Amino acid sequence: MRVCAVCGREAQGFYYTHQMRPDRFPTFSLCSNRCLNAGTVIAKRNKGVIDKSDMETRAIKDTRRPFAAILPELGLMPAFHDRSAEEIDRLIEACVDGFAESMKRQALSDDIPF
């Protein structure tokens, strides 16, 4: 089930992509015209971003431990030792967003298998 990016209710087929640029900005699902209008204003103020849902915020926080676990193995712990949780979260979010956008582009490619 998709959740409205503004109010958290079930999304009902309304979507917003800042500047109509899905290659640069996430696409948000919304539940109504009212939330679509509010989300548009919020995204314009925040450079294309609507606040993360509670689930997204928790998922990013939960990813810190696996992220930290791989750093010594790759010899990268010194570079990240003094980084704040917010900086680590930005790295995680950038990776997740890039991964999701690539998957979306691949799924929407013109290569129809039949």
PDB file of N, CA and C in Angstrom:
ATOM      1  N   MET A   1       0.836  -1.174   0.000  1.00  0.00           N
ATOM      2  CA  MET A   1       0.000   0.000   0.000  1.00  0.00           C
ATOM      3  C   MET A   1       0.888   1.247   0.000  1.00  0.00           C
ATOM      4  N   ARG A   2       0.607   2.156  -0.906  1.00  0.00           N
ATOM      5  CA  ARG A   2       1.320   3.434  -0.937  1.00  0.00           C
ATOM      6  C   ARG A   2       0.678   4.377   0.061  1.00  0.00           C
ATOM      7  N   VAL A   3       1.528   5.181   0.696  1.00  0.00           N
ATOM      8  CA  VAL A   3       1.077   6.104   1.736  1.00  0.00           C
ATOM      9  C   VAL A   3       1.246   7.536   1.247  1.00  0.00           C
ATOM     10  N   CYS A   4       0.282   8.375   1.560  1.00  0.00           N
ATOM     11  CA  CYS A   4       0.334   9.789   1.197  1.00  0.00           C
ATOM     12  C   CYS A   4       1.547  10.437   1.855  1.00  0.00           C
ATOM     13  N   ALA A   5       2.337  11.144   1.058  1.00  0.00           N
ATOM     14  CA  ALA A   5       3.557  11.787   1.557  1.00  0.00           C
ATOM     15  C   ALA A   5       3.265  12.970   2.477  1.00  0.00           C
ATOM     16  N   VAL A   6       2.042  13.458   2.482  1.00  0.00           N
ATOM     17  CA  VAL A   6       1.708  14.614   3.312  1.00  0.00           C
ATOM     18  C   VAL A   6       1.018  14.192   4.608  1.00  0.00           C
ATOM     19  N   CYS A   7      -0.034  13.374   4.504  1.00  0.00           N
ATOM     20  CA  CYS A   7      -0.830  13.081   5.699  1.00  0.00           C
ATOM     21  C   CYS A   7      -0.692  11.644   6.207  1.00  0.00           C
ATOM     22  N   GLY A   8      -0.105  10.750   5.424  1.00  0.00           N
ATOM     23  CA  GLY A   8       0.103   9.381   5.874  1.00  0.00           C
ATOM     24  C   GLY A   8      -1.054   8.437   5.601  1.00  0.00           C
ATOM     25  N   ARG A   9      -2.161   8.942   5.044  1.00  0.00           N
ATOM     26  CA  ARG A   9      -3.264   8.054   4.691  1.00  0.00           C
ATOM     27  C   ARG A   9      -2.924   7.281   3.420  1.00  0.00           C
ATOM     28  N   GLU A  10      -3.767   6.339   3.047  1.00  0.00           N
ATOM     29  CA  GLU A  10      -3.530   5.564   1.833  1.00  0.00           C
ATOM     30  C   GLU A  10      -3.584   6.480   0.613  1.00  0.00           C
ATOM     31  N   ALA A  11      -2.571   6.389  -0.246  1.00  0.00           N
ATOM     32  CA  ALA A  11      -2.522   7.217  -1.452  1.00  0.00           C
ATOM     33  C   ALA A  11      -3.609   6.765  -2.425  1.00  0.00           C
ATOM     34  N   GLN A  12      -4.146   7.715  -3.172  1.00  0.00           N
ATOM     35  CA  GLN A  12      -5.278   7.434  -4.052  1.00  0.00           C
ATOM     36  C   GLN A  12      -5.034   7.818  -5.503  1.00  0.00           C
ATOM     37  N   GLY A  13      -3.820   7.703  -5.980  1.00  0.00           N
ATOM     38  CA  GLY A  13      -3.570   7.959  -7.391  1.00  0.00           C
ATOM     39  C   GLY A  13      -3.140   9.367  -7.748  1.00  0.00           C
ATOM     40  N   PHE A  14      -2.844  10.188  -6.775  1.00  0.00           N
ATOM     41  CA  PHE A  14      -2.298  11.514  -7.030  1.00  0.00           C
ATOM     42  C   PHE A  14      -0.786  11.423  -6.854  1.00  0.00           C
ATOM     43  N   TYR A  15      -0.031  12.035  -7.769  1.00  0.00           N
ATOM     44  CA  TYR A  15       1.427  11.970  -7.707  1.00  0.00           C
ATOM     45  C   TYR A  15       2.020  13.341  -7.960  1.00  0.00           C
ATOM     46  N   TYR A  16       3.195  13.571  -7.383  1.00  0.00           N
ATOM     47  CA  TYR A  16       3.911  14.820  -7.612  1.00  0.00           C
ATOM     48  C   TYR A  16       5.386  14.517  -7.793  1.00  0.00           C
ATOM     49  N   THR A  17       5.964  15.043  -8.869  1.00  0.00           N
ATOM     50  CA  THR A  17       7.407  14.999  -9.105  1.00  0.00           C
ATOM     51  C   THR A  17       7.846  16.429  -9.368  1.00  0.00           C
ATOM     52  N   HIS A  18       8.743  16.920  -8.543  1.00  0.00           N
ATOM     53  CA  HIS A  18       9.187  18.311  -8.635  1.00  0.00           C
ATOM     54  C   HIS A  18       9.748  18.602 -10.024  1.00  0.00           C
ATOM     55  N   GLN A  19       9.286  19.695 -10.607  1.00  0.00           N
ATOM     56  CA  GLN A  19       9.712  20.154 -11.938  1.00  0.00           C
ATOM     57  C   GLN A  19       9.518  19.088 -13.013  1.00  0.00           C
ATOM     58  N   MET A  20       8.683  18.100 -12.719  1.00  0.00           N
ATOM     59  CA  MET A  20       8.444  16.984 -13.648  1.00  0.00           C
ATOM     60  C   MET A  20       9.771  16.372 -14.099  1.00  0.00           C
ATOM     61  N   ARG A  21      10.694  16.196 -13.142  1.00  0.00           N
ATOM     62  CA  ARG A  21      12.034  15.668 -13.407  1.00  0.00           C
ATOM     63  C   ARG A  21      12.269  14.415 -12.562  1.00  0.00           C
ATOM     64  N   PRO A  22      11.704  13.273 -12.934  1.00  0.00           N
ATOM     65  CA  PRO A  22      11.911  12.061 -12.136  1.00  0.00           C
ATOM     66  C   PRO A  22      13.356  11.582 -12.123  1.00  0.00           C
ATOM     67  N   ASP A  23      14.182  12.092 -13.029  1.00  0.00           N
ATOM     68  CA  ASP A  23      15.596  11.737 -13.032  1.00  0.00           C
ATOM     69  C   ASP A  23      16.360  12.455 -11.913  1.00  0.00           C
ATOM     70  N   ARG A  24      15.782  13.540 -11.364  1.00  0.00           N
ATOM     71  CA  ARG A  24      16.454  14.318 -10.320  1.00  0.00           C
ATOM     72  C   ARG A  24      15.722  14.339  -8.985  1.00  0.00           C
ATOM     73  N   PHE A  25      14.406  14.120  -9.013  1.00  0.00           N
ATOM     74  CA  PHE A  25      13.612  14.247  -7.804  1.00  0.00           C
ATOM     75  C   PHE A  25      12.724  13.024  -7.617  1.00  0.00           C
ATOM     76  N   PRO A  26      12.401  12.702  -6.353  1.00  0.00           N
ATOM     77  CA  PRO A  26      11.509  11.564  -6.111  1.00  0.00           C
ATOM     78  C   PRO A  26      10.078  11.888  -6.530  1.00  0.00           C
ATOM     79  N   THR A  27       9.313  10.858  -6.813  1.00  0.00           N
ATOM     80  CA  THR A  27       7.894  11.008  -7.093  1.00  0.00           C
ATOM     81  C   THR A  27       7.139  10.653  -5.825  1.00  0.00           C
ATOM     82  N   PHE A  28       6.253  11.542  -5.403  1.00  0.00           N
ATOM     83  CA  PHE A  28       5.498  11.348  -4.176  1.00  0.00           C
ATOM     84  C   PHE A  28       4.075  10.919  -4.491  1.00  0.00           C
ATOM     85  N   SER A  29       3.574   9.950  -3.751  1.00  0.00           N
ATOM     86  CA  SER A  29       2.187   9.512  -3.840  1.00  0.00           C
ATOM     87  C   SER A  29       1.376  10.316  -2.840  1.00  0.00           C
ATOM     88  N   LEU A  30       0.168  10.691  -3.252  1.00  0.00           N
ATOM     89  CA  LEU A  30      -0.684  11.507  -2.387  1.00  0.00           C
ATOM     90  C   LEU A  30      -2.115  10.966  -2.417  1.00  0.00           C
ATOM     91  N   CYS A  31      -2.910  11.373  -1.428  1.00  0.00           N
ATOM     92  CA  CYS A  31      -4.251  10.807  -1.289  1.00  0.00           C
ATOM     93  C   CYS A  31      -5.356  11.657  -1.910  1.00  0.00           C
ATOM     94  N   SER A  32      -5.114  12.940  -2.114  1.00  0.00           N
ATOM     95  CA  SER A  32      -6.192  13.826  -2.558  1.00  0.00           C
ATOM     96  C   SER A  32      -5.619  15.064  -3.232  1.00  0.00           C
ATOM     97  N   ASN A  33      -6.513  15.815  -3.842  1.00  0.00           N
ATOM     98  CA  ASN A  33      -6.114  17.077  -4.452  1.00  0.00           C
ATOM     99  C   ASN A  33      -5.598  18.039  -3.391  1.00  0.00           C
ATOM    100  N   ARG A  34      -6.215  18.009  -2.217  1.00  0.00           N
ATOM    101  CA  ARG A  34      -5.787  18.881  -1.113  1.00  0.00           C
ATOM    102  C   ARG A  34      -4.338  18.584  -0.725  1.00  0.00           C
ATOM    103  N   CYS A  35      -3.993  17.291  -0.557  1.00  0.00           N
ATOM    104  CA  CYS A  35      -2.619  16.923  -0.205  1.00  0.00           C
ATOM    105  C   CYS A  35      -1.666  17.169  -1.373  1.00  0.00           C
ATOM    106  N   LEU A  36      -2.147  17.010  -2.592  1.00  0.00           N
ATOM    107  CA  LEU A  36      -1.327  17.308  -3.765  1.00  0.00           C
ATOM    108  C   LEU A  36      -0.940  18.788  -3.756  1.00  0.00           C
ATOM    109  N   ASN A  37      -1.904  19.659  -3.505  1.00  0.00           N
ATOM    110  CA  ASN A  37      -1.619  21.096  -3.464  1.00  0.00           C
ATOM    111  C   ASN A  37      -0.650  21.428  -2.328  1.00  0.00           C
ATOM    112  N   ALA A  38      -0.881  20.846  -1.158  1.00  0.00           N
ATOM    113  CA  ALA A  38       0.007  21.092  -0.017  1.00  0.00           C
ATOM    114  C   ALA A  38       1.404  20.544  -0.293  1.00  0.00           C
ATOM    115  N   GLY A  39       1.471  19.336  -0.845  1.00  0.00           N
ATOM    116  CA  GLY A  39       2.764  18.718  -1.157  1.00  0.00           C
ATOM    117  C   GLY A  39       3.550  19.522  -2.176  1.00  0.00           C
ATOM    118  N   THR A  40       2.860  20.102  -3.144  1.00  0.00           N
ATOM    119  CA  THR A  40       3.511  20.931  -4.157  1.00  0.00           C
ATOM    120  C   THR A  40       4.173  22.144  -3.505  1.00  0.00           C
ATOM    121  N   VAL A  41       3.458  22.784  -2.604  1.00  0.00           N
ATOM    122  CA  VAL A  41       4.006  23.961  -1.903  1.00  0.00           C
ATOM    123  C   VAL A  41       5.210  23.551  -1.055  1.00  0.00           C
ATOM    124  N   ILE A  42       5.076  22.450  -0.316  1.00  0.00           N
ATOM    125  CA  ILE A  42       6.170  21.974   0.536  1.00  0.00           C
ATOM    126  C   ILE A  42       7.397  21.642  -0.299  1.00  0.00           C
ATOM    127  N   ALA A  43       7.198  20.910  -1.387  1.00  0.00           N
ATOM    128  CA  ALA A  43       8.323  20.508  -2.241  1.00  0.00           C
ATOM    129  C   ALA A  43       9.011  21.714  -2.865  1.00  0.00           C
ATOM    130  N   LYS A  44       8.252  22.708  -3.281  1.00  0.00           N
ATOM    131  CA  LYS A  44       8.854  23.909  -3.862  1.00  0.00           C
ATOM    132  C   LYS A  44       9.704  24.646  -2.828  1.00  0.00           C
ATOM    133  N   ARG A  45       9.241  24.670  -1.589  1.00  0.00           N
ATOM    134  CA  ARG A  45      10.011  25.313  -0.515  1.00  0.00           C
ATOM    135  C   ARG A  45      11.271  24.536  -0.166  1.00  0.00           C
ATOM    136  N   ASN A  46      11.215  23.215  -0.294  1.00  0.00           N
ATOM    137  CA  ASN A  46      12.315  22.346   0.151  1.00  0.00           C
ATOM    138  C   ASN A  46      13.100  21.725  -0.998  1.00  0.00           C
ATOM    139  N   LYS A  47      13.163  22.418  -2.115  1.00  0.00           N
ATOM    140  CA  LYS A  47      13.950  21.968  -3.266  1.00  0.00           C
ATOM    141  C   LYS A  47      13.567  20.558  -3.712  1.00  0.00           C
ATOM    142  N   GLY A  48      12.274  20.310  -3.827  1.00  0.00           N
ATOM    143  CA  GLY A  48      11.796  19.041  -4.378  1.00  0.00           C
ATOM    144  C   GLY A  48      11.560  17.941  -3.377  1.00  0.00           C
ATOM    145  N   VAL A  49      11.698  18.236  -2.088  1.00  0.00           N
ATOM    146  CA  VAL A  49      11.587  17.189  -1.086  1.00  0.00           C
ATOM    147  C   VAL A  49      10.388  17.438  -0.174  1.00  0.00           C
ATOM    148  N   ILE A  50       9.630  16.393   0.074  1.00  0.00           N
ATOM    149  CA  ILE A  50       8.589  16.404   1.095  1.00  0.00           C
ATOM    150  C   ILE A  50       9.161  15.588   2.240  1.00  0.00           C
ATOM    151  N   ASP A  51       8.930  16.007   3.474  1.00  0.00           N
ATOM    152  CA  ASP A  51       9.508  15.308   4.621  1.00  0.00           C
ATOM    153  C   ASP A  51       9.335  13.801   4.516  1.00  0.00           C
ATOM    154  N   LYS A  52      10.339  13.097   4.981  1.00  0.00           N
ATOM    155  CA  LYS A  52      10.300  11.643   4.978  1.00  0.00           C
ATOM    156  C   LYS A  52       9.203  11.150   5.907  1.00  0.00           C
ATOM    157  N   SER A  53       8.618  10.008   5.558  1.00  0.00           N
ATOM    158  CA  SER A  53       7.633   9.386   6.441  1.00  0.00           C
ATOM    159  C   SER A  53       8.358   8.802   7.651  1.00  0.00           C
ATOM    160  N   ASP A  54       7.610   8.452   8.679  1.00  0.00           N
ATOM    161  CA  ASP A  54       8.201   7.830   9.862  1.00  0.00           C
ATOM    162  C   ASP A  54       8.905   6.526   9.492  1.00  0.00           C
ATOM    163  N   MET A  55       8.311   5.781   8.559  1.00  0.00           N
ATOM    164  CA  MET A  55       8.906   4.513   8.144  1.00  0.00           C
ATOM    165  C   MET A  55      10.245   4.745   7.435  1.00  0.00           C
ATOM    166  N   GLU A  56      10.301   5.747   6.572  1.00  0.00           N
ATOM    167  CA  GLU A  56      11.553   6.053   5.876  1.00  0.00           C
ATOM    168  C   GLU A  56      12.625   6.516   6.855  1.00  0.00           C
ATOM    169  N   THR A  57      12.239   7.364   7.800  1.00  0.00           N
ATOM    170  CA  THR A  57      13.185   7.842   8.805  1.00  0.00           C
ATOM    171  C   THR A  57      13.737   6.676   9.614  1.00  0.00           C
ATOM    172  N   ARG A  58      12.881   5.755  10.009  1.00  0.00           N
ATOM    173  CA  ARG A  58      13.312   4.581  10.787  1.00  0.00           C
ATOM    174  C   ARG A  58      14.215   3.680   9.947  1.00  0.00           C
ATOM    175  N   ALA A  59      13.867   3.479   8.688  1.00  0.00           N
ATOM    176  CA  ALA A  59      14.670   2.618   7.815  1.00  0.00           C
ATOM    177  C   ALA A  59      16.082   3.180   7.644  1.00  0.00           C
ATOM    178  N   ILE A  60      16.201   4.485   7.497  1.00  0.00           N
ATOM    179  CA  ILE A  60      17.521   5.100   7.359  1.00  0.00           C
ATOM    180  C   ILE A  60      18.323   4.903   8.642  1.00  0.00           C
ATOM    181  N   LYS A  61      17.679   5.148   9.777  1.00  0.00           N
ATOM    182  CA  LYS A  61      18.351   4.952  11.059  1.00  0.00           C
ATOM    183  C   LYS A  61      18.780   3.491  11.240  1.00  0.00           C
ATOM    184  N   ASP A  62      17.911   2.553  10.867  1.00  0.00           N
ATOM    185  CA  ASP A  62      18.225   1.126  10.993  1.00  0.00           C
ATOM    186  C   ASP A  62      19.355   0.689  10.060  1.00  0.00           C
ATOM    187  N   THR A  63      19.617   1.465   9.023  1.00  0.00           N
ATOM    188  CA  THR A  63      20.661   1.132   8.065  1.00  0.00           C
ATOM    189  C   THR A  63      22.044   1.566   8.541  1.00  0.00           C
ATOM    190  N   ARG A  64      22.105   2.430   9.543  1.00  0.00           N
ATOM    191  CA  ARG A  64      23.408   2.902  10.034  1.00  0.00           C
ATOM    192  C   ARG A  64      24.307   1.748  10.475  1.00  0.00           C
ATOM    193  N   ARG A  65      23.758   0.773  11.183  1.00  0.00           N
ATOM    194  CA  ARG A  65      24.568  -0.334  11.713  1.00  0.00           C
ATOM    195  C   ARG A  65      25.196  -1.173  10.584  1.00  0.00           C
ATOM    196  N   PRO A  66      24.415  -1.629   9.576  1.00  0.00           N
ATOM    197  CA  PRO A  66      25.059  -2.364   8.477  1.00  0.00           C
ATOM    198  C   PRO A  66      26.065  -1.503   7.702  1.00  0.00           C
ATOM    199  N   PHE A  67      25.773  -0.216   7.570  1.00  0.00           N
ATOM    200  CA  PHE A  67      26.697   0.700   6.906  1.00  0.00           C
ATOM    201  C   PHE A  67      28.016   0.754   7.678  1.00  0.00           C
ATOM    202  N   ALA A  68      27.925   0.932   8.995  1.00  0.00           N
ATOM    203  CA  ALA A  68      29.124   1.000   9.836  1.00  0.00           C
ATOM    204  C   ALA A  68      29.886  -0.326   9.842  1.00  0.00           C
ATOM    205  N   ALA A  69      29.178  -1.438   9.735  1.00  0.00           N
ATOM    206  CA  ALA A  69      29.821  -2.757   9.781  1.00  0.00           C
ATOM    207  C   ALA A  69      30.745  -2.996   8.586  1.00  0.00           C
ATOM    208  N   ILE A  70      30.422  -2.413   7.448  1.00  0.00           N
ATOM    209  CA  ILE A  70      31.218  -2.651   6.242  1.00  0.00           C
ATOM    210  C   ILE A  70      32.422  -1.707   6.152  1.00  0.00           C
ATOM    211  N   LEU A  71      32.397  -0.592   6.872  1.00  0.00           N
ATOM    212  CA  LEU A  71      33.470   0.398   6.776  1.00  0.00           C
ATOM    213  C   LEU A  71      34.855  -0.158   7.121  1.00  0.00           C
ATOM    214  N   PRO A  72      35.037  -0.884   8.231  1.00  0.00           N
ATOM    215  CA  PRO A  72      36.375  -1.411   8.536  1.00  0.00           C
ATOM    216  C   PRO A  72      36.860  -2.407   7.485  1.00  0.00           C
ATOM    217  N   GLU A  73      35.924  -3.193   6.980  1.00  0.00           N
ATOM    218  CA  GLU A  73      36.267  -4.177   5.956  1.00  0.00           C
ATOM    219  C   GLU A  73      36.828  -3.518   4.702  1.00  0.00           C
ATOM    220  N   LEU A  74      36.332  -2.329   4.395  1.00  0.00           N
ATOM    221  CA  LEU A  74      36.785  -1.592   3.215  1.00  0.00           C
ATOM    222  C   LEU A  74      37.895  -0.596   3.540  1.00  0.00           C
ATOM    223  N   GLY A  75      38.301  -0.545   4.804  1.00  0.00           N
ATOM    224  CA  GLY A  75      39.355   0.387   5.210  1.00  0.00           C
ATOM    225  C   GLY A  75      38.902   1.834   5.240  1.00  0.00           C
ATOM    226  N   LEU A  76      37.612   2.058   5.408  1.00  0.00           N
ATOM    227  CA  LEU A  76      37.076   3.413   5.354  1.00  0.00           C
ATOM    228  C   LEU A  76      36.701   3.990   6.719  1.00  0.00           C
ATOM    229  N   MET A  77      36.909   3.246   7.781  1.00  0.00           N
ATOM    230  CA  MET A  77      36.497   3.725   9.104  1.00  0.00           C
ATOM    231  C   MET A  77      37.121   5.067   9.475  1.00  0.00           C
ATOM    232  N   PRO A  78      38.419   5.314   9.217  1.00  0.00           N
ATOM    233  CA  PRO A  78      38.978   6.624   9.582  1.00  0.00           C
ATOM    234  C   PRO A  78      38.246   7.799   8.919  1.00  0.00           C
ATOM    235  N   ALA A  79      37.809   7.619   7.692  1.00  0.00           N
ATOM    236  CA  ALA A  79      37.124   8.703   6.985  1.00  0.00           C
ATOM    237  C   ALA A  79      35.743   9.000   7.563  1.00  0.00           C
ATOM    238  N   PHE A  80      35.138   8.019   8.215  1.00  0.00           N
ATOM    239  CA  PHE A  80      33.783   8.198   8.733  1.00  0.00           C
ATOM    240  C   PHE A  80      33.714   8.281  10.248  1.00  0.00           C
ATOM    241  N   HIS A  81      34.840   8.130  10.918  1.00  0.00           N
ATOM    242  CA  HIS A  81      34.864   8.065  12.374  1.00  0.00           C
ATOM    243  C   HIS A  81      34.227   9.285  13.041  1.00  0.00           C
ATOM    244  N   ASP A  82      34.515  10.474  12.569  1.00  0.00           N
ATOM    245  CA  ASP A  82      34.020  11.695  13.214  1.00  0.00           C
ATOM    246  C   ASP A  82      32.787  12.288  12.533  1.00  0.00           C
ATOM    247  N   ARG A  83      32.148  11.529  11.682  1.00  0.00           N
ATOM    248  CA  ARG A  83      30.959  12.025  10.983  1.00  0.00           C
ATOM    249  C   ARG A  83      29.740  11.934  11.896  1.00  0.00           C
ATOM    250  N   SER A  84      28.850  12.890  11.753  1.00  0.00           N
ATOM    251  CA  SER A  84      27.630  12.892  12.563  1.00  0.00           C
ATOM    252  C   SER A  84      26.619  11.902  11.994  1.00  0.00           C
ATOM    253  N   ALA A  85      25.629  11.560  12.811  1.00  0.00           N
ATOM    254  CA  ALA A  85      24.561  10.671  12.353  1.00  0.00           C
ATOM    255  C   ALA A  85      23.833  11.288  11.163  1.00  0.00           C
ATOM    256  N   GLU A  86      23.664  12.606  11.171  1.00  0.00           N
ATOM    257  CA  GLU A  86      22.980  13.287  10.066  1.00  0.00           C
ATOM    258  C   GLU A  86      23.765  13.151   8.763  1.00  0.00           C
ATOM    259  N   GLU A  87      25.085  13.234   8.839  1.00  0.00           N
ATOM    260  CA  GLU A  87      25.908  13.085   7.630  1.00  0.00           C
ATOM    261  C   GLU A  87      25.831  11.642   7.102  1.00  0.00           C
ATOM    262  N   ILE A  88      25.876  10.687   7.999  1.00  0.00           N
ATOM    263  CA  ILE A  88      25.752   9.282   7.597  1.00  0.00           C
ATOM    264  C   ILE A  88      24.389   9.041   6.971  1.00  0.00           C
ATOM    265  N   ASP A  89      23.349   9.617   7.579  1.00  0.00           N
ATOM    266  CA  ASP A  89      22.001   9.473   7.033  1.00  0.00           C
ATOM    267  C   ASP A  89      21.902  10.051   5.627  1.00  0.00           C
ATOM    268  N   ARG A  90      22.572  11.164   5.375  1.00  0.00           N
ATOM    269  CA  ARG A  90      22.567  11.755   4.024  1.00  0.00           C
ATOM    270  C   ARG A  90      23.200  10.815   3.017  1.00  0.00           C
ATOM    271  N   LEU A  91      24.299  10.161   3.409  1.00  0.00           N
ATOM    272  CA  LEU A  91      24.937   9.184   2.518  1.00  0.00           C
ATOM    273  C   LEU A  91      24.010   8.013   2.228  1.00  0.00           C
ATOM    274  N   ILE A  92      23.403   7.483   3.276  1.00  0.00           N
ATOM    275  CA  ILE A  92      22.486   6.349   3.110  1.00  0.00           C
ATOM    276  C   ILE A  92      21.329   6.745   2.203  1.00  0.00           C
ATOM    277  N   GLU A  93      20.742   7.903   2.471  1.00  0.00           N
ATOM    278  CA  GLU A  93      19.600   8.352   1.680  1.00  0.00           C
ATOM    279  C   GLU A  93      19.986   8.557   0.210  1.00  0.00           C
ATOM    280  N   ALA A  94      21.157   9.109  -0.043  1.00  0.00           N
ATOM    281  CA  ALA A  94      21.610   9.304  -1.424  1.00  0.00           C
ATOM    282  C   ALA A  94      21.756   7.963  -2.142  1.00  0.00           C
ATOM    283  N   CYS A  95      22.303   6.978  -1.446  1.00  0.00           N
ATOM    284  CA  CYS A  95      22.461   5.647  -2.047  1.00  0.00           C
ATOM    285  C   CYS A  95      21.107   5.000  -2.322  1.00  0.00           C
ATOM    286  N   VAL A  96      20.217   5.065  -1.350  1.00  0.00           N
ATOM    287  CA  VAL A  96      18.893   4.455  -1.514  1.00  0.00           C
ATOM    288  C   VAL A  96      18.126   5.150  -2.625  1.00  0.00           C
ATOM    289  N   ASP A  97      18.166   6.485  -2.661  1.00  0.00           N
ATOM    290  CA  ASP A  97      17.467   7.222  -3.707  1.00  0.00           C
ATOM    291  C   ASP A  97      18.028   6.891  -5.088  1.00  0.00           C
ATOM    292  N   GLY A  98      19.360   6.831  -5.196  1.00  0.00           N
ATOM    293  CA  GLY A  98      19.977   6.481  -6.476  1.00  0.00           C
ATOM    294  C   GLY A  98      19.601   5.083  -6.928  1.00  0.00           C
ATOM    295  N   PHE A  99      19.600   4.149  -6.009  1.00  0.00           N
ATOM    296  CA  PHE A  99      19.218   2.766  -6.302  1.00  0.00           C
ATOM    297  C   PHE A  99      17.762   2.712  -6.776  1.00  0.00           C
ATOM    298  N   ALA A 100      16.861   3.364  -6.028  1.00  0.00           N
ATOM    299  CA  ALA A 100      15.437   3.347  -6.372  1.00  0.00           C
ATOM    300  C   ALA A 100      15.184   4.008  -7.725  1.00  0.00           C
ATOM    301  N   GLU A 101      15.841   5.117  -7.981  1.00  0.00           N
ATOM    302  CA  GLU A 101      15.651   5.806  -9.262  1.00  0.00           C
ATOM    303  C   GLU A 101      16.147   4.951 -10.431  1.00  0.00           C
ATOM    304  N   SER A 102      17.266   4.261 -10.246  1.00  0.00           N
ATOM    305  CA  SER A 102      17.767   3.374 -11.292  1.00  0.00           C
ATOM    306  C   SER A 102      16.776   2.247 -11.566  1.00  0.00           C
ATOM    307  N   MET A 103      16.240   1.673 -10.504  1.00  0.00           N
ATOM    308  CA  MET A 103      15.264   0.600 -10.662  1.00  0.00           C
ATOM    309  C   MET A 103      14.027   1.109 -11.405  1.00  0.00           C
ATOM    310  N   LYS A 104      13.593   2.324 -11.062  1.00  0.00           N
ATOM    311  CA  LYS A 104      12.421   2.900 -11.723  1.00  0.00           C
ATOM    312  C   LYS A 104      12.700   3.128 -13.210  1.00  0.00           C
ATOM    313  N   ARG A 105      13.878   3.693 -13.523  1.00  0.00           N
ATOM    314  CA  ARG A 105      14.232   3.927 -14.930  1.00  0.00           C
ATOM    315  C   ARG A 105      14.304   2.621 -15.703  1.00  0.00           C
ATOM    316  N   GLN A 106      14.894   1.599 -15.101  1.00  0.00           N
ATOM    317  CA  GLN A 106      15.000   0.308 -15.768  1.00  0.00           C
ATOM    318  C   GLN A 106      13.626  -0.306 -16.011  1.00  0.00           C
ATOM    319  N   ALA A 107      12.748  -0.178 -15.024  1.00  0.00           N
ATOM    320  CA  ALA A 107      11.401  -0.739 -15.158  1.00  0.00           C
ATOM    321  C   ALA A 107      10.593  -0.019 -16.228  1.00  0.00           C
ATOM    322  N   LEU A 108      10.908   1.254 -16.462  1.00  0.00           N
ATOM    323  CA  LEU A 108      10.163   2.047 -17.436  1.00  0.00           C
ATOM    324  C   LEU A 108      10.867   2.128 -18.793  1.00  0.00           C
ATOM    325  N   SER A 109      11.885   1.316 -18.989  1.00  0.00           N
ATOM    326  CA  SER A 109      12.611   1.376 -20.259  1.00  0.00           C
ATOM    327  C   SER A 109      11.713   0.929 -21.412  1.00  0.00           C
ATOM    328  N   ASP A 110      12.107   1.273 -22.597  1.00  0.00           N
ATOM    329  CA  ASP A 110      11.320   0.913 -23.786  1.00  0.00           C
ATOM    330  C   ASP A 110      11.530  -0.506 -24.239  1.00  0.00           C
ATOM    331  N   ASP A 111      12.368  -1.241 -23.553  1.00  0.00           N
ATOM    332  CA  ASP A 111      12.651  -2.626 -23.934  1.00  0.00           C
ATOM    333  C   ASP A 111      11.533  -3.535 -23.450  1.00  0.00           C
ATOM    334  N   ILE A 112      10.486  -3.654 -24.245  1.00  0.00           N
ATOM    335  CA  ILE A 112       9.356  -4.494 -23.883  1.00  0.00           C
ATOM    336  C   ILE A 112       9.712  -5.946 -24.218  1.00  0.00           C
ATOM    337  N   PRO A 113       9.629  -6.858 -23.240  1.00  0.00           N
ATOM    338  CA  PRO A 113      10.100  -8.219 -23.452  1.00  0.00           C
ATOM    339  C   PRO A 113       9.198  -9.100 -24.306  1.00  0.00           C
ATOM    340  N   PHE A 114       8.125  -8.581 -24.846  1.00  0.00           N
ATOM    341  CA  PHE A 114       7.253  -9.419 -25.688  1.00  0.00           C
ATOM    342  C   PHE A 114       6.897  -8.713 -26.954  1.00  0.00           C
TER     343      PHE A 114
END
